[in-house]
Amino acid sequence: EEFARLQDYMVSCDKDSEAYKKMKRRYTALKVILTSS
């Protein structure tokens, strides 16, 4: 659920923004967690 919600936020942000960069780090972490599960 967090992964899906985070992606919604990411598409509404400018990719060069600091917020997007922080979301991208969490996106990557969640992707690793879910894939390894």
Full PDB file with SEQRES, HELIX, SHEET, SSBOND, CRYST1, ORIGX, SCALE, CONECT and MASTER records, all heavy atoms in Angstrom:
SEQRES   1 A   37  GLU GLU PHE ALA ARG LEU GLN ASP TYR MET VAL SER CYS          
SEQRES   2 A   37  ASP LYS ASP SER GLU ALA TYR LYS LYS MET LYS ARG ARG          
SEQRES   3 A   37  TYR THR ALA LEU LYS VAL ILE LEU THR SER SER                  
HELIX    1 AA1 GLU A    2  VAL A   11  1                                  10    
HELIX    2 AA2 GLU A   18  SER A   36  1                                  19    
CRYST1    1.000    1.000    1.000  90.00  90.00  90.00 P 1           1          
ORIGX1      1.000000  0.000000  0.000000        0.00000                         
ORIGX2      0.000000  1.000000  0.000000        0.00000                         
ORIGX3      0.000000  0.000000  1.000000        0.00000                         
SCALE1      1.000000  0.000000  0.000000        0.00000                         
SCALE2      0.000000  1.000000  0.000000        0.00000                         
SCALE3      0.000000  0.000000  1.000000        0.00000                         
ATOM      1  N   GLU A   1       0.828  -1.209   0.000  1.00  0.00           N  
ATOM      2  CA  GLU A   1       0.000   0.000   0.000  1.00  0.00           C  
ATOM      3  C   GLU A   1       0.862   1.259   0.000  1.00  0.00           C  
ATOM      4  O   GLU A   1       0.574   2.219  -0.716  1.00  0.00           O  
ATOM      5  CB  GLU A   1      -0.938  -0.005   1.201  1.00  0.00           C  
ATOM      6  CG  GLU A   1      -2.038  -1.038   1.089  1.00  0.00           C  
ATOM      7  CD  GLU A   1      -2.820  -1.249   2.372  1.00  0.00           C  
ATOM      8  OE1 GLU A   1      -2.424  -0.714   3.437  1.00  0.00           O  
ATOM      9  OE2 GLU A   1      -3.840  -1.962   2.321  1.00  0.00           O  
ATOM     10  N   GLU A   2       1.934   1.251   0.788  1.00  0.00           N  
ATOM     11  CA  GLU A   2       2.836   2.402   0.811  1.00  0.00           C  
ATOM     12  C   GLU A   2       3.526   2.589  -0.540  1.00  0.00           C  
ATOM     13  O   GLU A   2       3.681   3.710  -1.026  1.00  0.00           O  
ATOM     14  CB  GLU A   2       3.892   2.242   1.912  1.00  0.00           C  
ATOM     15  CG  GLU A   2       4.809   3.439   2.013  1.00  0.00           C  
ATOM     16  CD  GLU A   2       5.883   3.315   3.073  1.00  0.00           C  
ATOM     17  OE1 GLU A   2       5.882   2.332   3.840  1.00  0.00           O  
ATOM     18  OE2 GLU A   2       6.740   4.212   3.118  1.00  0.00           O  
ATOM     19  N   PHE A   3       3.924   1.490  -1.162  1.00  0.00           N  
ATOM     20  CA  PHE A   3       4.578   1.533  -2.470  1.00  0.00           C  
ATOM     21  C   PHE A   3       3.647   2.177  -3.502  1.00  0.00           C  
ATOM     22  O   PHE A   3       4.060   3.058  -4.255  1.00  0.00           O  
ATOM     23  CB  PHE A   3       4.959   0.111  -2.891  1.00  0.00           C  
ATOM     24  CG  PHE A   3       5.775   0.021  -4.134  1.00  0.00           C  
ATOM     25  CD1 PHE A   3       7.113   0.382  -4.141  1.00  0.00           C  
ATOM     26  CD2 PHE A   3       5.225  -0.456  -5.313  1.00  0.00           C  
ATOM     27  CE1 PHE A   3       7.886   0.285  -5.289  1.00  0.00           C  
ATOM     28  CE2 PHE A   3       5.989  -0.555  -6.470  1.00  0.00           C  
ATOM     29  CZ  PHE A   3       7.312  -0.189  -6.455  1.00  0.00           C  
ATOM     30  N   ALA A   4       2.392   1.763  -3.513  1.00  0.00           N  
ATOM     31  CA  ALA A   4       1.422   2.324  -4.458  1.00  0.00           C  
ATOM     32  C   ALA A   4       1.179   3.805  -4.183  1.00  0.00           C  
ATOM     33  O   ALA A   4       1.159   4.625  -5.109  1.00  0.00           O  
ATOM     34  CB  ALA A   4       0.114   1.537  -4.381  1.00  0.00           C  
ATOM     35  N   ARG A   5       0.992   4.149  -2.918  1.00  0.00           N  
ATOM     36  CA  ARG A   5       0.738   5.548  -2.540  1.00  0.00           C  
ATOM     37  C   ARG A   5       1.940   6.430  -2.879  1.00  0.00           C  
ATOM     38  O   ARG A   5       1.785   7.534  -3.404  1.00  0.00           O  
ATOM     39  CB  ARG A   5       0.431   5.602  -1.046  1.00  0.00           C  
ATOM     40  CG  ARG A   5      -0.032   6.922  -0.546  1.00  0.00           C  
ATOM     41  CD  ARG A   5      -0.537   6.889   0.908  1.00  0.00           C  
ATOM     42  NE  ARG A   5       0.201   6.030   1.814  1.00  0.00           N  
ATOM     43  CZ  ARG A   5      -0.245   4.848   2.293  1.00  0.00           C  
ATOM     44  NH1 ARG A   5      -1.427   4.389   1.948  1.00  0.00           N  
ATOM     45  NH2 ARG A   5       0.487   4.148   3.124  1.00  0.00           N  
ATOM     46  N   LEU A   6       3.132   5.935  -2.610  1.00  0.00           N  
ATOM     47  CA  LEU A   6       4.350   6.682  -2.896  1.00  0.00           C  
ATOM     48  C   LEU A   6       4.489   6.975  -4.385  1.00  0.00           C  
ATOM     49  O   LEU A   6       4.859   8.082  -4.783  1.00  0.00           O  
ATOM     50  CB  LEU A   6       5.568   5.900  -2.392  1.00  0.00           C  
ATOM     51  CG  LEU A   6       6.925   6.551  -2.531  1.00  0.00           C  
ATOM     52  CD1 LEU A   6       6.984   7.862  -1.759  1.00  0.00           C  
ATOM     53  CD2 LEU A   6       8.007   5.611  -2.026  1.00  0.00           C  
ATOM     54  N   GLN A   7       4.149   6.010  -5.221  1.00  0.00           N  
ATOM     55  CA  GLN A   7       4.222   6.235  -6.663  1.00  0.00           C  
ATOM     56  C   GLN A   7       3.252   7.332  -7.108  1.00  0.00           C  
ATOM     57  O   GLN A   7       3.581   8.146  -7.972  1.00  0.00           O  
ATOM     58  CB  GLN A   7       3.923   4.940  -7.423  1.00  0.00           C  
ATOM     59  CG  GLN A   7       5.043   3.931  -7.316  1.00  0.00           C  
ATOM     60  CD  GLN A   7       4.744   2.716  -8.141  1.00  0.00           C  
ATOM     61  OE1 GLN A   7       5.182   2.634  -9.289  1.00  0.00           O  
ATOM     62  NE2 GLN A   7       3.991   1.786  -7.590  1.00  0.00           N  
ATOM     63  N   ASP A   8       2.077   7.376  -6.488  1.00  0.00           N  
ATOM     64  CA  ASP A   8       1.120   8.445  -6.797  1.00  0.00           C  
ATOM     65  C   ASP A   8       1.722   9.804  -6.480  1.00  0.00           C  
ATOM     66  O   ASP A   8       1.572  10.755  -7.252  1.00  0.00           O  
ATOM     67  CB  ASP A   8      -0.177   8.260  -6.005  1.00  0.00           C  
ATOM     68  CG  ASP A   8      -1.028   7.122  -6.520  1.00  0.00           C  
ATOM     69  OD1 ASP A   8      -0.833   6.701  -7.679  1.00  0.00           O  
ATOM     70  OD2 ASP A   8      -1.887   6.653  -5.755  1.00  0.00           O  
ATOM     71  N   TYR A   9       2.401   9.908  -5.341  1.00  0.00           N  
ATOM     72  CA  TYR A   9       3.049  11.166  -4.976  1.00  0.00           C  
ATOM     73  C   TYR A   9       4.183  11.504  -5.935  1.00  0.00           C  
ATOM     74  O   TYR A   9       4.364  12.663  -6.308  1.00  0.00           O  
ATOM     75  CB  TYR A   9       3.602  11.112  -3.552  1.00  0.00           C  
ATOM     76  CG  TYR A   9       2.576  10.930  -2.460  1.00  0.00           C  
ATOM     77  CD1 TYR A   9       2.891  10.218  -1.311  1.00  0.00           C  
ATOM     78  CD2 TYR A   9       1.290  11.460  -2.557  1.00  0.00           C  
ATOM     79  CE1 TYR A   9       1.962  10.046  -0.293  1.00  0.00           C  
ATOM     80  CE2 TYR A   9       0.360  11.287  -1.551  1.00  0.00           C  
ATOM     81  CZ  TYR A   9       0.701  10.578  -0.418  1.00  0.00           C  
ATOM     82  OH  TYR A   9      -0.208  10.414   0.583  1.00  0.00           O  
ATOM     83  N   MET A  10       4.941  10.497  -6.331  1.00  0.00           N  
ATOM     84  CA  MET A  10       6.092  10.725  -7.206  1.00  0.00           C  
ATOM     85  C   MET A  10       5.682  11.280  -8.562  1.00  0.00           C  
ATOM     86  O   MET A  10       6.353  12.155  -9.098  1.00  0.00           O  
ATOM     87  CB  MET A  10       6.908   9.442  -7.372  1.00  0.00           C  
ATOM     88  CG  MET A  10       7.660   9.039  -6.123  1.00  0.00           C  
ATOM     89  SD  MET A  10       8.475   7.431  -6.256  1.00  0.00           S  
ATOM     90  CE  MET A  10       9.858   7.855  -7.324  1.00  0.00           C  
ATOM     91  N   VAL A  11       4.594  10.779  -9.125  1.00  0.00           N  
ATOM     92  CA  VAL A  11       4.178  11.268 -10.446  1.00  0.00           C  
ATOM     93  C   VAL A  11       3.655  12.695 -10.394  1.00  0.00           C  
ATOM     94  O   VAL A  11       3.604  13.371 -11.414  1.00  0.00           O  
ATOM     95  CB  VAL A  11       3.150  10.338 -11.138  1.00  0.00           C  
ATOM     96  CG1 VAL A  11       3.739   8.991 -11.440  1.00  0.00           C  
ATOM     97  CG2 VAL A  11       1.877  10.228 -10.343  1.00  0.00           C  
ATOM     98  N   SER A  12       3.300  13.161  -9.201  1.00  0.00           N  
ATOM     99  CA  SER A  12       2.796  14.531  -9.090  1.00  0.00           C  
ATOM    100  C   SER A  12       3.890  15.540  -8.736  1.00  0.00           C  
ATOM    101  O   SER A  12       3.604  16.720  -8.592  1.00  0.00           O  
ATOM    102  CB  SER A  12       1.674  14.596  -8.049  1.00  0.00           C  
ATOM    103  OG  SER A  12       2.175  14.332  -6.767  1.00  0.00           O  
ATOM    104  N   CYS A  13       5.131  15.069  -8.612  1.00  0.00           N  
ATOM    105  CA  CYS A  13       6.261  15.945  -8.249  1.00  0.00           C  
ATOM    106  C   CYS A  13       7.210  16.130  -9.428  1.00  0.00           C  
ATOM    107  O   CYS A  13       7.325  15.269 -10.292  1.00  0.00           O  
ATOM    108  CB  CYS A  13       7.071  15.323  -7.122  1.00  0.00           C  
ATOM    109  SG  CYS A  13       6.445  15.639  -5.507  1.00  0.00           S  
ATOM    110  N   ASP A  14       7.905  17.239  -9.390  1.00  0.00           N  
ATOM    111  CA  ASP A  14       8.979  17.494 -10.342  1.00  0.00           C  
ATOM    112  C   ASP A  14      10.158  16.581  -9.998  1.00  0.00           C  
ATOM    113  O   ASP A  14      10.572  16.504  -8.837  1.00  0.00           O  
ATOM    114  CB  ASP A  14       9.397  18.961 -10.243  1.00  0.00           C  
ATOM    115  CG  ASP A  14      10.524  19.319 -11.183  1.00  0.00           C  
ATOM    116  OD1 ASP A  14      10.694  18.632 -12.215  1.00  0.00           O  
ATOM    117  OD2 ASP A  14      11.232  20.300 -10.883  1.00  0.00           O  
ATOM    118  N   LYS A  15      10.680  15.878 -10.996  1.00  0.00           N  
ATOM    119  CA  LYS A  15      11.762  14.922 -10.758  1.00  0.00           C  
ATOM    120  C   LYS A  15      13.049  15.554 -10.227  1.00  0.00           C  
ATOM    121  O   LYS A  15      13.887  14.875  -9.673  1.00  0.00           O  
ATOM    122  CB  LYS A  15      12.077  14.130 -12.026  1.00  0.00           C  
ATOM    123  CG  LYS A  15      11.028  13.112 -12.362  1.00  0.00           C  
ATOM    124  CD  LYS A  15      11.469  12.242 -13.509  1.00  0.00           C  
ATOM    125  CE  LYS A  15      10.446  11.162 -13.753  1.00  0.00           C  
ATOM    126  NZ  LYS A  15      10.904  10.194 -14.728  1.00  0.00           N  
ATOM    127  N   ASP A  16      13.199  16.845 -10.382  1.00  0.00           N  
ATOM    128  CA  ASP A  16      14.389  17.522  -9.888  1.00  0.00           C  
ATOM    129  C   ASP A  16      14.223  18.063  -8.472  1.00  0.00           C  
ATOM    130  O   ASP A  16      15.170  18.610  -7.912  1.00  0.00           O  
ATOM    131  CB  ASP A  16      14.777  18.671 -10.827  1.00  0.00           C  
ATOM    132  CG  ASP A  16      15.192  18.167 -12.194  1.00  0.00           C  
ATOM    133  OD1 ASP A  16      15.816  17.092 -12.272  1.00  0.00           O  
ATOM    134  OD2 ASP A  16      14.881  18.841 -13.192  1.00  0.00           O  
ATOM    135  N   SER A  17      13.043  17.907  -7.896  1.00  0.00           N  
ATOM    136  CA  SER A  17      12.796  18.457  -6.567  1.00  0.00           C  
ATOM    137  C   SER A  17      13.435  17.590  -5.480  1.00  0.00           C  
ATOM    138  O   SER A  17      13.665  16.389  -5.655  1.00  0.00           O  
ATOM    139  CB  SER A  17      11.294  18.577  -6.308  1.00  0.00           C  
ATOM    140  OG  SER A  17      10.721  17.302  -6.138  1.00  0.00           O  
ATOM    141  N   GLU A  18      13.694  18.223  -4.351  1.00  0.00           N  
ATOM    142  CA  GLU A  18      14.259  17.502  -3.203  1.00  0.00           C  
ATOM    143  C   GLU A  18      13.264  16.465  -2.685  1.00  0.00           C  
ATOM    144  O   GLU A  18      13.643  15.370  -2.285  1.00  0.00           O  
ATOM    145  CB  GLU A  18      14.622  18.492  -2.091  1.00  0.00           C  
ATOM    146  CG  GLU A  18      15.402  17.880  -0.963  1.00  0.00           C  
ATOM    147  CD  GLU A  18      16.758  17.323  -1.367  1.00  0.00           C  
ATOM    148  OE1 GLU A  18      17.395  17.865  -2.292  1.00  0.00           O  
ATOM    149  OE2 GLU A  18      17.181  16.309  -0.758  1.00  0.00           O  
ATOM    150  N   ALA A  19      11.983  16.806  -2.709  1.00  0.00           N  
ATOM    151  CA  ALA A  19      10.946  15.872  -2.260  1.00  0.00           C  
ATOM    152  C   ALA A  19      10.964  14.594  -3.108  1.00  0.00           C  
ATOM    153  O   ALA A  19      10.873  13.485  -2.581  1.00  0.00           O  
ATOM    154  CB  ALA A  19       9.577  16.531  -2.319  1.00  0.00           C  
ATOM    155  N   TYR A  20      11.080  14.758  -4.412  1.00  0.00           N  
ATOM    156  CA  TYR A  20      11.115  13.593  -5.304  1.00  0.00           C  
ATOM    157  C   TYR A  20      12.329  12.714  -4.998  1.00  0.00           C  
ATOM    158  O   TYR A  20      12.218  11.488  -4.956  1.00  0.00           O  
ATOM    159  CB  TYR A  20      11.151  14.033  -6.771  1.00  0.00           C  
ATOM    160  CG  TYR A  20      11.030  12.875  -7.734  1.00  0.00           C  
ATOM    161  CD1 TYR A  20       9.780  12.458  -8.179  1.00  0.00           C  
ATOM    162  CD2 TYR A  20      12.155  12.195  -8.194  1.00  0.00           C  
ATOM    163  CE1 TYR A  20       9.657  11.397  -9.069  1.00  0.00           C  
ATOM    164  CE2 TYR A  20      12.042  11.131  -9.073  1.00  0.00           C  
ATOM    165  CZ  TYR A  20      10.783  10.736  -9.501  1.00  0.00           C  
ATOM    166  OH  TYR A  20      10.670   9.673 -10.365  1.00  0.00           O  
ATOM    167  N   LYS A  21      13.462  13.327  -4.765  1.00  0.00           N  
ATOM    168  CA  LYS A  21      14.682  12.570  -4.465  1.00  0.00           C  
ATOM    169  C   LYS A  21      14.522  11.754  -3.188  1.00  0.00           C  
ATOM    170  O   LYS A  21      14.959  10.609  -3.122  1.00  0.00           O  
ATOM    171  CB  LYS A  21      15.881  13.504  -4.378  1.00  0.00           C  
ATOM    172  CG  LYS A  21      16.250  14.118  -5.716  1.00  0.00           C  
ATOM    173  CD  LYS A  21      17.331  15.169  -5.576  1.00  0.00           C  
ATOM    174  CE  LYS A  21      17.557  15.866  -6.917  1.00  0.00           C  
ATOM    175  NZ  LYS A  21      18.456  16.993  -6.822  1.00  0.00           N  
ATOM    176  N   LYS A  22      13.866  12.330  -2.188  1.00  0.00           N  
ATOM    177  CA  LYS A  22      13.620  11.597  -0.939  1.00  0.00           C  
ATOM    178  C   LYS A  22      12.629  10.456  -1.165  1.00  0.00           C  
ATOM    179  O   LYS A  22      12.813   9.358  -0.644  1.00  0.00           O  
ATOM    180  CB  LYS A  22      13.112  12.544   0.137  1.00  0.00           C  
ATOM    181  CG  LYS A  22      14.189  13.480   0.635  1.00  0.00           C  
ATOM    182  CD  LYS A  22      13.668  14.412   1.700  1.00  0.00           C  
ATOM    183  CE  LYS A  22      14.798  15.320   2.163  1.00  0.00           C  
ATOM    184  NZ  LYS A  22      14.407  16.179   3.267  1.00  0.00           N  
ATOM    185  N   MET A  23      11.595  10.734  -1.947  1.00  0.00           N  
ATOM    186  CA  MET A  23      10.627   9.679  -2.252  1.00  0.00           C  
ATOM    187  C   MET A  23      11.281   8.561  -3.047  1.00  0.00           C  
ATOM    188  O   MET A  23      10.969   7.386  -2.850  1.00  0.00           O  
ATOM    189  CB  MET A  23       9.435  10.256  -3.014  1.00  0.00           C  
ATOM    190  CG  MET A  23       8.515  11.072  -2.146  1.00  0.00           C  
ATOM    191  SD  MET A  23       7.024  11.613  -3.013  1.00  0.00           S  
ATOM    192  CE  MET A  23       7.642  13.045  -3.875  1.00  0.00           C  
ATOM    193  N   LYS A  24      12.185   8.917  -3.937  1.00  0.00           N  
ATOM    194  CA  LYS A  24      12.877   7.920  -4.756  1.00  0.00           C  
ATOM    195  C   LYS A  24      13.688   6.965  -3.883  1.00  0.00           C  
ATOM    196  O   LYS A  24      13.739   5.761  -4.136  1.00  0.00           O  
ATOM    197  CB  LYS A  24      13.792   8.637  -5.764  1.00  0.00           C  
ATOM    198  CG  LYS A  24      14.641   7.725  -6.614  1.00  0.00           C  
ATOM    199  CD  LYS A  24      13.897   7.258  -7.836  1.00  0.00           C  
ATOM    200  CE  LYS A  24      14.679   6.235  -8.623  1.00  0.00           C  
ATOM    201  NZ  LYS A  24      15.773   6.705  -9.371  1.00  0.00           N  
ATOM    202  N   ARG A  25      14.329   7.484  -2.825  1.00  0.00           N  
ATOM    203  CA  ARG A  25      15.080   6.611  -1.910  1.00  0.00           C  
ATOM    204  C   ARG A  25      14.136   5.621  -1.231  1.00  0.00           C  
ATOM    205  O   ARG A  25      14.445   4.439  -1.119  1.00  0.00           O  
ATOM    206  CB  ARG A  25      15.846   7.437  -0.880  1.00  0.00           C  
ATOM    207  CG  ARG A  25      17.070   8.126  -1.461  1.00  0.00           C  
ATOM    208  CD  ARG A  25      17.985   8.681  -0.400  1.00  0.00           C  
ATOM    209  NE  ARG A  25      17.385   9.772   0.378  1.00  0.00           N  
ATOM    210  CZ  ARG A  25      17.441  11.054   0.048  1.00  0.00           C  
ATOM    211  NH1 ARG A  25      18.074  11.431  -1.048  1.00  0.00           N  
ATOM    212  NH2 ARG A  25      16.884  11.962   0.816  1.00  0.00           N  
ATOM    213  N   ARG A  26      12.977   6.097  -0.777  1.00  0.00           N  
ATOM    214  CA  ARG A  26      12.009   5.201  -0.129  1.00  0.00           C  
ATOM    215  C   ARG A  26      11.431   4.217  -1.142  1.00  0.00           C  
ATOM    216  O   ARG A  26      11.225   3.046  -0.836  1.00  0.00           O  
ATOM    217  CB  ARG A  26      10.892   6.022   0.533  1.00  0.00           C  
ATOM    218  CG  ARG A  26       9.879   5.174   1.265  1.00  0.00           C  
ATOM    219  CD  ARG A  26      10.522   4.371   2.380  1.00  0.00           C  
ATOM    220  NE  ARG A  26       9.521   3.573   3.062  1.00  0.00           N  
ATOM    221  CZ  ARG A  26       9.781   2.446   3.694  1.00  0.00           C  
ATOM    222  NH1 ARG A  26      11.020   2.001   3.788  1.00  0.00           N  
ATOM    223  NH2 ARG A  26       8.825   1.770   4.262  1.00  0.00           N  
ATOM    224  N   TYR A  27      11.176   4.686  -2.351  1.00  0.00           N  
ATOM    225  CA  TYR A  27      10.683   3.830  -3.439  1.00  0.00           C  
ATOM    226  C   TYR A  27      11.653   2.677  -3.671  1.00  0.00           C  
ATOM    227  O   TYR A  27      11.249   1.520  -3.766  1.00  0.00           O  
ATOM    228  CB  TYR A  27      10.520   4.681  -4.700  1.00  0.00           C  
ATOM    229  CG  TYR A  27      10.393   3.923  -5.995  1.00  0.00           C  
ATOM    230  CD1 TYR A  27       9.161   3.456  -6.424  1.00  0.00           C  
ATOM    231  CD2 TYR A  27      11.504   3.689  -6.797  1.00  0.00           C  
ATOM    232  CE1 TYR A  27       9.039   2.772  -7.624  1.00  0.00           C  
ATOM    233  CE2 TYR A  27      11.389   3.010  -7.988  1.00  0.00           C  
ATOM    234  CZ  TYR A  27      10.157   2.548  -8.400  1.00  0.00           C  
ATOM    235  OH  TYR A  27      10.052   1.865  -9.582  1.00  0.00           O  
ATOM    236  N   THR A  28      12.942   2.988  -3.741  1.00  0.00           N  
ATOM    237  CA  THR A  28      13.957   1.965  -3.972  1.00  0.00           C  
ATOM    238  C   THR A  28      13.988   0.971  -2.816  1.00  0.00           C  
ATOM    239  O   THR A  28      14.046  -0.243  -3.037  1.00  0.00           O  
ATOM    240  CB  THR A  28      15.340   2.614  -4.174  1.00  0.00           C  
ATOM    241  OG1 THR A  28      15.268   3.518  -5.281  1.00  0.00           O  
ATOM    242  CG2 THR A  28      16.412   1.579  -4.442  1.00  0.00           C  
ATOM    243  N   ALA A  29      13.929   1.468  -1.580  1.00  0.00           N  
ATOM    244  CA  ALA A  29      13.943   0.585  -0.408  1.00  0.00           C  
ATOM    245  C   ALA A  29      12.728  -0.340  -0.410  1.00  0.00           C  
ATOM    246  O   ALA A  29      12.860  -1.549  -0.180  1.00  0.00           O  
ATOM    247  CB  ALA A  29      13.990   1.409   0.867  1.00  0.00           C  
ATOM    248  N   LEU A  30      11.557   0.213  -0.675  1.00  0.00           N  
ATOM    249  CA  LEU A  30      10.346  -0.612  -0.719  1.00  0.00           C  
ATOM    250  C   LEU A  30      10.404  -1.636  -1.836  1.00  0.00           C  
ATOM    251  O   LEU A  30       9.964  -2.774  -1.682  1.00  0.00           O  
ATOM    252  CB  LEU A  30       9.104   0.266  -0.882  1.00  0.00           C  
ATOM    253  CG  LEU A  30       8.646   1.008   0.364  1.00  0.00           C  
ATOM    254  CD1 LEU A  30       7.593   2.049   0.005  1.00  0.00           C  
ATOM    255  CD2 LEU A  30       8.120   0.050   1.405  1.00  0.00           C  
ATOM    256  N   LYS A  31      10.960  -1.240  -2.960  1.00  0.00           N  
ATOM    257  CA  LYS A  31      11.082  -2.154  -4.098  1.00  0.00           C  
ATOM    258  C   LYS A  31      11.970  -3.347  -3.725  1.00  0.00           C  
ATOM    259  O   LYS A  31      11.649  -4.491  -4.040  1.00  0.00           O  
ATOM    260  CB  LYS A  31      11.648  -1.392  -5.297  1.00  0.00           C  
ATOM    261  CG  LYS A  31      11.481  -2.097  -6.610  1.00  0.00           C  
ATOM    262  CD  LYS A  31      11.815  -1.141  -7.743  1.00  0.00           C  
ATOM    263  CE  LYS A  31      11.590  -1.828  -9.065  1.00  0.00           C  
ATOM    264  NZ  LYS A  31      11.784  -0.950 -10.191  1.00  0.00           N  
ATOM    265  N   VAL A  32      13.060  -3.089  -3.032  1.00  0.00           N  
ATOM    266  CA  VAL A  32      13.957  -4.163  -2.590  1.00  0.00           C  
ATOM    267  C   VAL A  32      13.240  -5.068  -1.590  1.00  0.00           C  
ATOM    268  O   VAL A  32      13.296  -6.299  -1.695  1.00  0.00           O  
ATOM    269  CB  VAL A  32      15.250  -3.578  -1.978  1.00  0.00           C  
ATOM    270  CG1 VAL A  32      16.054  -4.648  -1.263  1.00  0.00           C  
ATOM    271  CG2 VAL A  32      16.091  -2.908  -3.046  1.00  0.00           C  
ATOM    272  N   ILE A  33      12.557  -4.469  -0.613  1.00  0.00           N  
ATOM    273  CA  ILE A  33      11.835  -5.250   0.395  1.00  0.00           C  
ATOM    274  C   ILE A  33      10.796  -6.148  -0.254  1.00  0.00           C  
ATOM    275  O   ILE A  33      10.711  -7.345   0.039  1.00  0.00           O  
ATOM    276  CB  ILE A  33      11.163  -4.314   1.431  1.00  0.00           C  
ATOM    277  CG1 ILE A  33      12.217  -3.623   2.291  1.00  0.00           C  
ATOM    278  CG2 ILE A  33      10.168  -5.082   2.297  1.00  0.00           C  
ATOM    279  CD1 ILE A  33      11.685  -2.453   3.108  1.00  0.00           C  
ATOM    280  N   LEU A  34       9.991  -5.587  -1.139  1.00  0.00           N  
ATOM    281  CA  LEU A  34       8.920  -6.355  -1.767  1.00  0.00           C  
ATOM    282  C   LEU A  34       9.457  -7.434  -2.701  1.00  0.00           C  
ATOM    283  O   LEU A  34       8.967  -8.563  -2.705  1.00  0.00           O  
ATOM    284  CB  LEU A  34       7.963  -5.417  -2.508  1.00  0.00           C  
ATOM    285  CG  LEU A  34       7.155  -4.476  -1.604  1.00  0.00           C  
ATOM    286  CD1 LEU A  34       6.416  -3.452  -2.436  1.00  0.00           C  
ATOM    287  CD2 LEU A  34       6.205  -5.257  -0.718  1.00  0.00           C  
ATOM    288  N   THR A  35      10.479  -7.109  -3.468  1.00  0.00           N  
ATOM    289  CA  THR A  35      11.063  -8.088  -4.377  1.00  0.00           C  
ATOM    290  C   THR A  35      11.684  -9.244  -3.598  1.00  0.00           C  
ATOM    291  O   THR A  35      11.494 -10.412  -3.955  1.00  0.00           O  
ATOM    292  CB  THR A  35      12.114  -7.423  -5.286  1.00  0.00           C  
ATOM    293  OG1 THR A  35      11.489  -6.373  -6.015  1.00  0.00           O  
ATOM    294  CG2 THR A  35      12.704  -8.419  -6.272  1.00  0.00           C  
ATOM    295  N   SER A  36      12.400  -8.936  -2.535  1.00  0.00           N  
ATOM    296  CA  SER A  36      13.030  -9.996  -1.743  1.00  0.00           C  
ATOM    297  C   SER A  36      12.001 -10.835  -0.999  1.00  0.00           C  
ATOM    298  O   SER A  36      12.283 -11.964  -0.606  1.00  0.00           O  
ATOM    299  CB  SER A  36      14.046  -9.411  -0.763  1.00  0.00           C  
ATOM    300  OG  SER A  36      13.407  -8.642   0.224  1.00  0.00           O  
ATOM    301  N   SER A  37      10.788 -10.296  -0.838  1.00  0.00           N  
ATOM    302  CA  SER A  37       9.699 -11.046  -0.202  1.00  0.00           C  
ATOM    303  C   SER A  37       8.922 -11.878  -1.199  1.00  0.00           C  
ATOM    304  O   SER A  37       7.940 -12.529  -0.848  1.00  0.00           O  
ATOM    305  CB  SER A  37       8.743 -10.081   0.504  1.00  0.00           C  
ATOM    306  OG  SER A  37       9.419  -9.384   1.516  1.00  0.00           O  
TER     307      SER A  37                                                      
MASTER        0    0    0    2    0    0    0    6  306    1    0    3          
END                                                                             
